[in-house]
Protein backbone atom coordinates (compact mmCIF):
# COMPACT_ATOMS: atom_id res chain seq x y z
CA MET A 1 7.46 27.36 -11.24
CA THR A 2 6.88 23.97 -9.53
CA LYS A 3 3.26 22.97 -9.60
CA VAL A 4 1.88 21.18 -6.76
CA ALA A 5 -1.31 19.59 -6.84
CA VAL A 6 -3.48 18.63 -3.87
CA LEU A 7 -5.58 15.18 -4.28
CA ILE A 8 -8.96 14.93 -2.32
CA PRO A 9 -10.71 11.29 -3.18
CA CYS A 10 -14.22 12.19 -1.67
CA TYR A 11 -17.00 9.33 -1.25
CA ASN A 12 -19.86 11.32 1.00
CA GLU A 13 -18.13 13.98 2.48
CA GLU A 14 -20.87 16.67 2.52
CA LYS A 15 -19.42 17.54 6.32
CA THR A 16 -16.10 18.11 5.82
CA ILE A 17 -15.39 18.59 2.15
CA GLY A 18 -15.90 22.14 2.57
CA LYS A 19 -13.49 22.98 5.62
CA VAL A 20 -10.78 20.28 4.22
CA VAL A 21 -10.80 22.76 0.74
CA ALA A 22 -10.53 26.13 2.60
CA ASP A 23 -7.68 24.57 5.09
CA TYR A 24 -5.19 23.38 2.38
CA LYS A 25 -5.75 26.62 0.00
CA ALA A 26 -4.75 28.48 3.25
CA ALA A 27 -1.61 26.32 3.74
CA LEU A 28 -0.92 25.82 0.33
CA PRO A 29 -2.11 28.88 -1.47
CA GLU A 30 -0.08 28.00 -4.65
CA ALA A 31 -1.64 24.19 -5.30
CA ASP A 32 -4.70 23.45 -7.43
CA ILE A 33 -6.86 21.31 -5.34
CA TYR A 34 -8.76 18.67 -6.89
CA VAL A 35 -11.86 16.60 -5.00
CA TYR A 36 -12.01 13.44 -7.00
CA ASN A 37 -15.91 12.44 -6.39
CA ASN A 38 -16.66 8.91 -6.27
CA ASN A 39 -20.44 8.48 -6.58
CA SER A 40 -21.27 10.49 -3.91
CA THR A 41 -25.25 10.89 -3.27
CA ASP A 42 -24.84 13.97 -1.19
CA ARG A 43 -23.89 17.42 -2.14
CA THR A 44 -20.13 16.75 -1.65
CA ALA A 45 -19.59 17.62 -5.38
CA GLU A 46 -21.53 21.19 -4.86
CA ILE A 47 -20.02 21.91 -1.95
CA ALA A 48 -16.03 21.57 -2.71
CA GLU A 49 -16.38 23.48 -6.43
CA LYS A 50 -18.15 26.33 -3.79
CA ALA A 51 -15.31 26.04 -1.47
CA GLY A 52 -12.40 26.70 -5.04
CA ALA A 53 -11.44 23.03 -5.61
CA ILE A 54 -11.35 21.70 -8.86
CA VAL A 55 -14.13 18.90 -9.29
CA ARG A 56 -13.69 15.95 -11.01
CA ASN A 57 -15.98 12.48 -11.39
CA GLU A 58 -14.41 8.89 -11.03
CA TYR A 59 -17.17 6.62 -11.59
CA ARG A 60 -15.73 3.10 -10.73
CA GLN A 61 -16.40 2.60 -6.73
CA GLY A 62 -13.44 2.02 -4.38
CA LYS A 63 -10.48 4.47 -3.84
CA GLY A 64 -7.94 2.75 -5.56
CA ASN A 65 -9.87 3.51 -8.74
CA VAL A 66 -9.92 7.13 -7.83
CA VAL A 67 -6.45 7.35 -6.97
CA ARG A 68 -5.27 5.12 -10.28
CA SER A 69 -7.21 7.70 -12.40
CA MET A 70 -5.63 11.21 -10.05
CA PHE A 71 -2.02 9.80 -11.16
CA ARG A 72 -3.06 9.48 -14.39
CA GLN A 73 -4.75 12.62 -15.08
CA ILE A 74 -3.05 15.27 -13.17
CA ASP A 75 0.17 16.51 -14.06
CA ALA A 76 2.38 17.93 -10.99
CA ASP A 77 6.24 18.26 -9.61
CA CYS A 78 4.66 17.36 -6.12
CA TYR A 79 1.46 15.40 -5.01
CA LEU A 80 -0.26 16.05 -1.75
CA MET A 81 -3.08 13.47 -1.29
CA ILE A 82 -5.28 13.67 1.92
CA ASP A 83 -8.83 12.31 2.75
CA GLY A 84 -11.56 14.35 2.51
CA ASP A 85 -12.58 13.18 6.19
CA ASP A 86 -11.03 16.23 8.04
CA THR A 87 -8.94 14.10 10.11
CA TYR A 88 -5.60 15.02 9.16
CA PRO A 89 -4.99 19.14 10.00
CA ALA A 90 -3.12 20.96 7.40
CA GLU A 91 -0.53 22.32 9.33
CA ASN A 92 2.40 19.60 8.50
CA ALA A 93 1.17 20.09 4.42
CA ARG A 94 3.79 22.76 3.19
CA ASP A 95 6.84 20.77 5.03
CA MET A 96 5.41 17.32 3.48
CA VAL A 97 5.51 19.41 -0.08
CA GLU A 98 9.18 20.71 1.00
CA TYR A 99 10.40 17.46 1.41
CA VAL A 100 9.39 16.55 -1.86
CA LEU A 101 9.99 19.75 -3.96
CA SER A 102 13.61 19.40 -1.91
CA GLY A 103 14.54 16.14 -3.97
CA GLN A 104 14.48 14.50 0.36
CA ALA A 105 12.05 12.22 -0.47
CA ASP A 106 9.98 10.54 -2.99
CA MET A 107 6.93 9.40 -0.74
CA VAL A 108 6.58 11.48 2.68
CA ILE A 109 4.17 9.54 4.91
CA GLY A 110 2.06 11.20 7.33
CA ASP A 111 2.85 9.04 10.06
CA ARG A 112 -0.90 8.85 12.36
CA LEU A 113 0.36 6.14 15.04
CA SER A 114 3.62 8.04 16.41
CA SER A 115 1.15 10.95 17.53
CA THR A 116 -2.26 11.26 19.02
CA TYR A 117 -4.14 8.50 16.40
CA PHE A 118 -4.56 5.58 19.28
CA THR A 119 -6.03 8.52 22.03
CA GLU A 120 -8.25 10.01 18.97
CA ASN A 121 -9.87 6.80 17.15
CA LYS A 122 -12.68 5.34 18.74
CA ARG A 123 -12.58 1.99 17.12
CA PRO A 124 -10.24 -0.33 18.86
CA PHE A 125 -10.01 -3.02 15.95
CA HIS A 126 -8.56 -0.43 13.56
CA ASN A 127 -6.42 0.35 15.85
CA MET A 128 -5.29 -3.44 16.51
CA GLY A 129 -5.49 -4.05 12.26
CA ASN A 130 -3.27 -0.79 11.85
CA VAL A 131 -0.37 -2.31 14.67
CA LEU A 132 -1.05 -5.83 12.39
CA VAL A 133 0.25 -5.06 9.31
CA ARG A 134 2.62 -2.77 10.22
CA LYS A 135 4.20 -5.61 12.20
CA LEU A 136 3.61 -7.46 9.32
CA ILE A 137 4.74 -5.68 6.16
CA ASN A 138 7.97 -4.49 8.39
CA TRP A 139 8.80 -8.52 8.91
CA LEU A 140 7.92 -9.96 5.40
CA PHE A 141 9.63 -6.84 3.61
CA HIS A 142 12.25 -5.99 5.68
CA SER A 143 11.40 -2.17 6.28
CA ASN A 144 10.63 0.15 8.78
CA ILE A 145 7.59 2.20 8.41
CA ASN A 146 5.70 3.16 10.79
CA ASP A 147 2.03 3.89 9.62
CA ILE A 148 1.55 1.78 6.70
CA MET A 149 -2.46 2.86 5.90
CA THR A 150 -2.27 6.23 6.40
CA GLY A 151 -3.94 8.52 3.95
CA TYR A 152 -1.79 11.70 4.27
CA ARG A 153 1.58 11.19 1.98
CA ALA A 154 3.28 13.64 -0.56
CA PHE A 155 4.61 12.40 -3.73
CA SER A 156 7.31 13.03 -6.12
CA LYS A 157 6.44 12.95 -9.73
CA ALA A 158 8.64 10.05 -10.53
CA PHE A 159 6.50 8.14 -7.80
CA VAL A 160 3.03 8.94 -9.15
CA LYS A 161 3.84 8.43 -12.66
CA GLY A 162 5.72 4.88 -12.12
CA PHE A 163 3.39 3.78 -9.76
CA PRO A 164 1.12 0.51 -11.11
CA VAL A 165 -2.00 0.73 -9.14
CA LEU A 166 -3.43 -2.53 -8.93
CA SER A 167 -5.85 -2.20 -6.02
CA ARG A 168 -9.31 -0.77 -6.26
CA GLY A 169 -10.43 -0.09 -2.91
CA PHE A 170 -9.20 1.03 0.42
CA GLU A 171 -5.67 -1.17 0.51
CA ILE A 172 -4.11 0.83 -2.13
CA GLU A 173 -2.23 2.37 0.83
CA THR A 174 -0.71 -0.58 1.90
CA GLU A 175 0.32 -1.23 -2.26
CA MET A 176 1.64 2.34 -2.25
CA SER A 177 4.17 1.31 0.91
CA ILE A 178 5.15 -2.21 -0.30
CA HIS A 179 6.12 -0.87 -3.71
CA ALA A 180 8.01 2.19 -2.48
CA VAL A 181 10.02 0.00 -0.66
CA ASP A 182 10.29 -2.88 -3.14
CA LYS A 183 11.49 -0.46 -6.07
CA ASN A 184 14.01 1.73 -3.11
CA PHE A 185 12.17 4.93 -3.34
CA LEU A 186 13.56 7.64 -0.96
CA LEU A 187 10.75 7.78 1.77
CA LYS A 188 10.41 9.88 4.58
CA GLU A 189 8.13 10.15 7.61
CA ILE A 190 7.09 12.76 9.72
CA PRO A 191 4.23 12.65 13.14
CA VAL A 192 1.03 14.23 11.95
CA THR A 193 -1.85 15.34 14.30
CA TYR A 194 -4.68 12.79 13.87
CA ARG A 195 -8.21 13.81 14.97
CA ASP A 196 -11.46 11.63 15.43
CA ARG A 197 -14.09 12.15 12.23
CA PRO A 198 -16.82 15.20 13.35
CA ASP A 199 -20.10 14.45 14.72
CA GLY A 200 -22.33 12.89 11.58
CA SER A 201 -19.36 12.01 9.59
CA GLU A 202 -19.14 7.99 9.34
CA SER A 203 -16.33 6.37 7.98
CA LYS A 204 -16.72 4.42 4.49
CA LEU A 205 -14.19 1.46 6.15
CA ASN A 206 -15.60 -1.41 6.94
CA THR A 207 -13.54 -3.11 9.62
CA TYR A 208 -13.64 -7.13 8.82
CA SER A 209 -14.05 -6.63 4.75
CA ASP A 210 -11.65 -4.05 4.24
CA GLY A 211 -9.25 -5.54 6.80
CA PHE A 212 -9.21 -8.76 5.23
CA LYS A 213 -8.84 -6.59 1.77
CA VAL A 214 -5.31 -5.31 3.26
CA LEU A 215 -4.11 -8.98 4.31
CA LYS A 216 -5.01 -10.43 0.90
CA THR A 217 -3.39 -7.42 -0.64
CA ILE A 218 -0.05 -8.55 1.26
CA PHE A 219 -0.28 -11.74 0.79
CA ARG A 220 -0.09 -11.07 -3.19
CA LEU A 221 2.41 -8.45 -3.47
CA PHE A 222 4.50 -10.95 -0.93
CA ARG A 223 4.29 -13.92 -3.66
CA GLU A 224 4.61 -11.12 -6.16
CA TYR A 225 7.58 -8.80 -4.85
CA ARG A 226 9.67 -11.61 -3.04
CA PRO A 227 8.65 -15.04 -4.43
CA LEU A 228 11.45 -16.93 -2.99
CA ALA A 229 11.02 -16.55 0.42
CA PHE A 230 7.06 -17.14 -0.43
CA PHE A 231 7.76 -20.21 -2.18
CA SER A 232 10.64 -21.53 0.08
CA ALA A 233 8.47 -21.23 2.98
CA PHE A 234 5.92 -24.17 0.98
CA ALA A 235 8.47 -25.87 0.40
CA LEU A 236 10.05 -26.10 3.77
CA LEU A 237 6.66 -27.26 5.03
CA PHE A 238 6.39 -29.97 2.32
CA LEU A 239 9.82 -31.14 3.23
CA LEU A 240 8.74 -31.46 7.08
CA ILE A 241 5.53 -33.24 6.06
CA THR A 242 8.16 -35.44 3.90
CA LEU A 243 10.39 -36.04 6.91
CA ILE A 244 7.75 -37.06 9.00
CA LEU A 245 6.37 -39.51 6.62
CA PHE A 246 10.13 -40.80 5.71
CA LEU A 247 12.16 -41.56 8.70
CA PRO A 248 9.44 -43.74 10.19
CA VAL A 249 9.47 -46.07 7.04
CA PHE A 250 13.22 -45.79 6.68
CA VAL A 251 13.96 -46.72 9.92
CA ASP A 252 11.65 -49.61 9.42
CA TYR A 253 13.42 -50.98 6.30
CA LEU A 254 16.90 -50.66 8.65
CA ARG A 255 15.83 -52.52 11.11
CA THR A 256 14.10 -54.91 9.16
CA GLY A 257 15.07 -54.92 5.51
CA LEU A 258 11.13 -54.65 4.26
CA VAL A 259 9.29 -51.48 3.23
CA ASP A 260 6.21 -52.24 4.82
CA ARG A 261 3.89 -49.10 4.32
CA VAL A 262 4.39 -48.24 1.04
CA PRO A 263 1.77 -46.17 0.51
CA THR A 264 3.04 -43.95 3.17
CA LEU A 265 6.72 -43.92 1.26
CA VAL A 266 4.61 -43.05 -1.99
CA VAL A 267 2.92 -40.11 -0.58
CA SER A 268 6.46 -38.84 0.89
CA GLY A 269 7.66 -39.48 -1.82
CA VAL A 270 4.79 -36.89 -3.44
CA PHE A 271 5.37 -34.12 -0.73
CA GLY A 272 9.15 -34.16 -1.71
CA THR A 273 8.87 -33.43 -5.34
CA CYS A 274 6.60 -30.72 -4.53
CA SER A 275 9.18 -29.37 -2.10
CA LEU A 276 11.46 -29.51 -4.98
CA LEU A 277 9.10 -28.07 -7.57
CA SER A 278 7.99 -25.14 -5.07
CA PHE A 279 11.88 -24.05 -4.56
CA LEU A 280 12.63 -24.31 -8.43
CA VAL A 281 8.97 -21.97 -8.94
CA GLY A 282 10.50 -19.36 -6.20
CA VAL A 283 14.36 -19.69 -7.73
CA ILE A 284 12.72 -18.81 -11.25
CA LEU A 285 10.23 -16.02 -10.37
CA ASP A 286 12.77 -14.50 -8.43
CA VAL A 287 15.04 -13.88 -11.46
CA VAL A 288 12.17 -13.08 -13.16
CA VAL A 289 11.58 -9.80 -10.35
CA LYS A 290 14.67 -9.27 -10.25
CA LYS A 291 14.59 -8.78 -14.17
CA ASP A 292 11.41 -6.99 -13.91
CA ARG A 293 13.60 -4.06 -11.47
CA GLN A 294 16.06 -3.86 -13.64
CA MET A 295 13.55 -3.33 -16.36
CA TYR A 296 11.86 -0.24 -14.03
CA GLU A 297 15.21 1.37 -13.15
CA ILE A 298 15.70 1.54 -17.03
CA LEU A 299 12.16 2.75 -17.78
CA MET A 300 12.36 5.58 -14.54
CA ASN A 301 15.67 6.21 -16.06
CA LEU A 302 14.41 6.96 -19.47
CA ARG A 303 11.45 9.30 -18.71
CA THR A 304 14.15 11.14 -16.83
CA GLU A 305 15.92 12.03 -19.65
CA LEU A 306 12.95 12.76 -21.70
CA GLN A 307 11.49 15.15 -19.29
CA ASP A 308 14.95 17.14 -19.14
CA LYS A 309 14.98 17.55 -23.10
């Protein structure tokens, strides 16, 4: 029999967690529902346990830390991750799980942005941030994902056990999306209904600090996953500065036969060297990344063979 695990990271969600657990128990009665309590100071853990969830504690603060523990500790054939704030109705849960179990997807993304998100969400900067992140990632990584930062996802076992969790906070969803694109996992998006938090339930997201962390994560992952493009951009910038500094000196030399601005020539040479070095660094790291992808595929194949045995 296949095993389904519903994963709910929680921090101070006593007003909603009981309903969330009950809704997903009704939608997926065969699933084990895990609530990971992340240092809540209210009755989140108590209410979740009474509702029938398996409650575990993660003492390192941050959603990324919770996801790391969930992925390491729980063994299942399909993992459905949701938030504990009752913003994602359970009506799509069965379809998302079936896509994974049938082999049609390694990660199913619950797409809020194609549904009710912009009408339900009352925080305009969050709306703008979601659109910005989506456009930036799709441009940098040549992908076509509608909702990069949704917390409603279903995963295959292969994705979960091969995903290196590096982020500590809410930027974990961005990391998941980029990793899936880079490693060529099979993705499926389905529009899901989104509803804003009920009265009395407060978001833990900080628009500015968490938004900055997400942008920092995108910058870091672009450097790590696409180093040739990353360092080539700097090489092009240095080359442009080199030409701006060198060409006037060269024109003067052709006209007079003299180099009057020696310091400018030296600086242009420095920037030219930096341009060449940046490009070479990008080429070398690009080879390393490609070898890393090859090794990742080999290890995933070995894992599959061992599981089959």
